[in-house]
Amino acid sequence: MAKEAMKLVANNKKAFHDYFIEETYEAGLELHGTEVKSMRMGKCSIKEAWVRIQNGEIHVYGMHVSPYEKGNIFNKDPLRVRKLLLHKSEILKLDNKLKEQGYTIVPLEVYFKEGRAKIKVGLAKGKKLYDKRQDIAKKDARRETEREFKIKNL
């Protein structure tokens, strides 16, 4: 039986708008049974989520996994804190970077890779308002050139 290569469950487009993503890490997610079933159905949101390191462990806060309909008493709190599975050296590296001014860790996407739930987190530095305006201007210019190119090729 061939397993799916990668099935995207949720992504955080806003993170790319609000932050410069410098490095990305793939971490495993520590989940309970009904949470996995709910995530396989695509009922997960990381728009409001953030990541924090405490006592040498890394956790994701504010990640919403909707309760599984047939889960009854086995369902967990949808907003509970979930542990991320990363190597100790990666956690230490992230922790050292966080001590610098302006760095944070943001969840970028949640997906299944070879049957296992994974989350991609990024080491990010916040954008200023003028950086966001520059990005919007670049997108508009690119969209305009694509529109002109499409009209010419009709």
Protein backbone atom coordinates (compact mmCIF):
# COMPACT_ATOMS: atom_id res chain seq x y z
CA MET A 1 0.00 0.00 0.00
CA ALA A 2 1.49 3.34 -1.06
CA LYS A 3 1.21 6.14 1.46
CA GLU A 4 0.55 9.70 0.38
CA ALA A 5 3.70 11.76 0.05
CA MET A 6 2.46 14.95 1.71
CA LYS A 7 -1.09 16.07 2.50
CA LEU A 8 -1.45 19.71 3.53
CA VAL A 9 -3.90 20.25 6.40
CA ALA A 10 -3.45 23.95 7.24
CA ASN A 11 -1.13 26.78 6.31
CA ASN A 12 -0.44 30.23 7.70
CA LYS A 13 -0.27 32.71 4.81
CA LYS A 14 -0.38 35.64 7.21
CA ALA A 15 3.01 34.63 8.67
CA PHE A 16 4.72 35.32 5.33
CA HIS A 17 3.05 38.75 5.23
CA ASP A 18 3.98 39.73 8.79
CA TYR A 19 7.48 38.20 9.10
CA PHE A 20 10.72 37.59 7.24
CA ILE A 21 11.15 33.80 7.50
CA GLU A 22 14.87 33.09 7.89
CA GLU A 23 14.96 29.35 8.64
CA THR A 24 12.37 26.58 8.64
CA TYR A 25 12.26 23.41 10.69
CA GLU A 26 10.06 20.33 10.36
CA ALA A 27 8.79 19.07 13.70
CA GLY A 28 6.58 16.19 14.68
CA LEU A 29 3.34 16.85 16.56
CA GLU A 30 2.40 15.03 19.74
CA LEU A 31 -1.32 14.31 19.25
CA HIS A 32 -4.03 12.08 20.74
CA GLY A 33 -6.10 9.64 18.65
CA THR A 34 -9.19 11.72 17.95
CA GLU A 35 -7.06 14.78 17.11
CA VAL A 36 -5.32 12.79 14.36
CA LYS A 37 -8.66 11.73 12.89
CA SER A 38 -9.94 15.31 12.97
CA MET A 39 -6.75 16.59 11.31
CA ARG A 40 -7.02 13.96 8.57
CA MET A 41 -10.41 15.48 7.78
CA GLY A 42 -8.70 18.91 7.49
CA LYS A 43 -10.17 20.46 10.65
CA CYS A 44 -7.17 22.38 11.93
CA SER A 45 -6.26 26.06 12.08
CA ILE A 46 -2.92 27.72 12.89
CA LYS A 47 -3.86 31.34 12.09
CA GLU A 48 -3.78 32.37 15.75
CA ALA A 49 -1.02 29.97 16.84
CA TRP A 50 2.42 30.77 18.26
CA VAL A 51 5.40 28.72 19.46
CA ARG A 52 7.27 28.99 22.76
CA ILE A 53 10.29 27.19 24.25
CA GLN A 54 10.14 26.32 27.96
CA ASN A 55 12.35 23.96 30.00
CA GLY A 56 14.13 22.68 26.90
CA GLU A 57 10.85 21.67 25.23
CA ILE A 58 9.04 23.41 22.40
CA HIS A 59 5.23 23.82 22.44
CA VAL A 60 2.63 25.29 20.09
CA TYR A 61 -0.12 27.43 21.64
CA GLY A 62 -3.41 28.50 20.09
CA MET A 63 -3.50 25.79 17.42
CA HIS A 64 -7.16 24.85 16.99
CA VAL A 65 -7.99 21.21 16.17
CA SER A 66 -11.76 20.77 16.00
CA PRO A 67 -13.21 17.91 18.08
CA TYR A 68 -13.85 14.70 16.13
CA GLU A 69 -17.62 14.14 15.70
CA LYS A 70 -17.50 10.47 16.69
CA GLY A 71 -14.93 11.00 19.43
CA ASN A 72 -17.37 11.53 22.37
CA ILE A 73 -15.46 11.30 25.70
CA PHE A 74 -12.07 10.80 24.01
CA ASN A 75 -12.01 14.32 22.52
CA LYS A 76 -9.46 16.71 23.99
CA ASP A 77 -9.65 20.49 24.37
CA PRO A 78 -9.42 22.02 20.84
CA LEU A 79 -6.97 24.73 21.98
CA ARG A 80 -4.77 22.65 24.26
CA VAL A 81 -0.99 23.14 24.26
CA ARG A 82 0.72 20.59 22.00
CA LYS A 83 4.33 19.48 22.27
CA LEU A 84 6.52 19.61 19.18
CA LEU A 85 9.10 16.93 18.53
CA LEU A 86 12.47 18.40 17.56
CA HIS A 87 16.05 17.34 18.19
CA LYS A 88 17.66 18.87 21.29
CA SER A 89 20.33 20.59 19.18
CA GLU A 90 17.66 22.26 17.02
CA ILE A 91 15.77 23.46 20.11
CA LEU A 92 18.98 24.92 21.60
CA LYS A 93 19.79 26.65 18.30
CA LEU A 94 16.29 28.18 18.15
CA ASP A 95 16.46 29.20 21.82
CA ASN A 96 19.77 31.03 21.26
CA LYS A 97 18.31 32.88 18.26
CA LEU A 98 15.20 33.87 20.27
CA LYS A 99 17.39 35.65 22.81
CA GLU A 100 18.40 38.08 20.04
CA GLN A 101 16.18 41.11 19.56
CA GLY A 102 13.21 40.78 17.21
CA TYR A 103 13.17 37.02 16.60
CA THR A 104 10.21 34.73 17.10
CA ILE A 105 9.05 31.27 16.04
CA VAL A 106 5.87 31.00 13.97
CA PRO A 107 4.01 27.92 12.72
CA LEU A 108 3.86 27.95 8.91
CA GLU A 109 1.99 24.81 7.90
CA VAL A 110 0.59 21.54 9.23
CA TYR A 111 0.66 18.45 7.04
CA PHE A 112 0.86 14.67 6.98
CA LYS A 113 4.11 13.21 5.68
CA GLU A 114 4.20 9.44 5.22
CA GLY A 115 1.27 9.09 7.62
CA ARG A 116 2.78 11.22 10.39
CA ALA A 117 1.51 14.64 11.47
CA LYS A 118 4.18 17.30 10.97
CA ILE A 119 4.34 21.05 11.50
CA LYS A 120 6.71 23.40 9.74
CA VAL A 121 7.89 26.19 12.02
CA GLY A 122 9.93 29.15 10.93
CA LEU A 123 12.46 31.33 12.70
CA ALA A 124 11.11 34.76 11.85
CA LYS A 125 11.92 38.42 12.25
CA GLY A 126 9.03 40.90 12.28
CA LYS A 127 8.43 43.15 9.30
CA LYS A 128 7.95 46.87 9.67
CA LEU A 129 5.02 48.62 8.01
CA TYR A 130 7.14 49.91 5.13
CA ASP A 131 8.39 46.36 4.41
CA LYS A 132 4.78 45.18 4.12
CA ARG A 133 3.99 48.07 1.76
CA GLN A 134 6.96 47.13 -0.44
CA ASP A 135 5.76 43.51 -0.62
CA ILE A 136 2.25 44.61 -1.60
CA ALA A 137 3.66 46.94 -4.28
CA LYS A 138 5.79 44.10 -5.72
CA LYS A 139 2.79 41.76 -5.81
CA ASP A 140 0.67 44.38 -7.56
CA ALA A 141 3.39 45.05 -10.14
CA ARG A 142 3.83 41.32 -10.82
CA ARG A 143 0.06 40.86 -11.16
CA GLU A 144 -0.14 43.79 -13.58
CA THR A 145 2.65 42.44 -15.81
CA GLU A 146 1.01 38.98 -15.85
CA ARG A 147 -2.32 40.59 -16.85
CA GLU A 148 -0.63 42.54 -19.68
CA PHE A 149 1.19 39.41 -20.86
CA LYS A 150 -2.08 37.45 -20.89
CA ILE A 151 -3.84 40.16 -22.93
CA LYS A 152 -1.00 40.24 -25.51
CA ASN A 153 -1.05 36.44 -25.96
CA LEU A 154 -4.79 36.17 -26.66
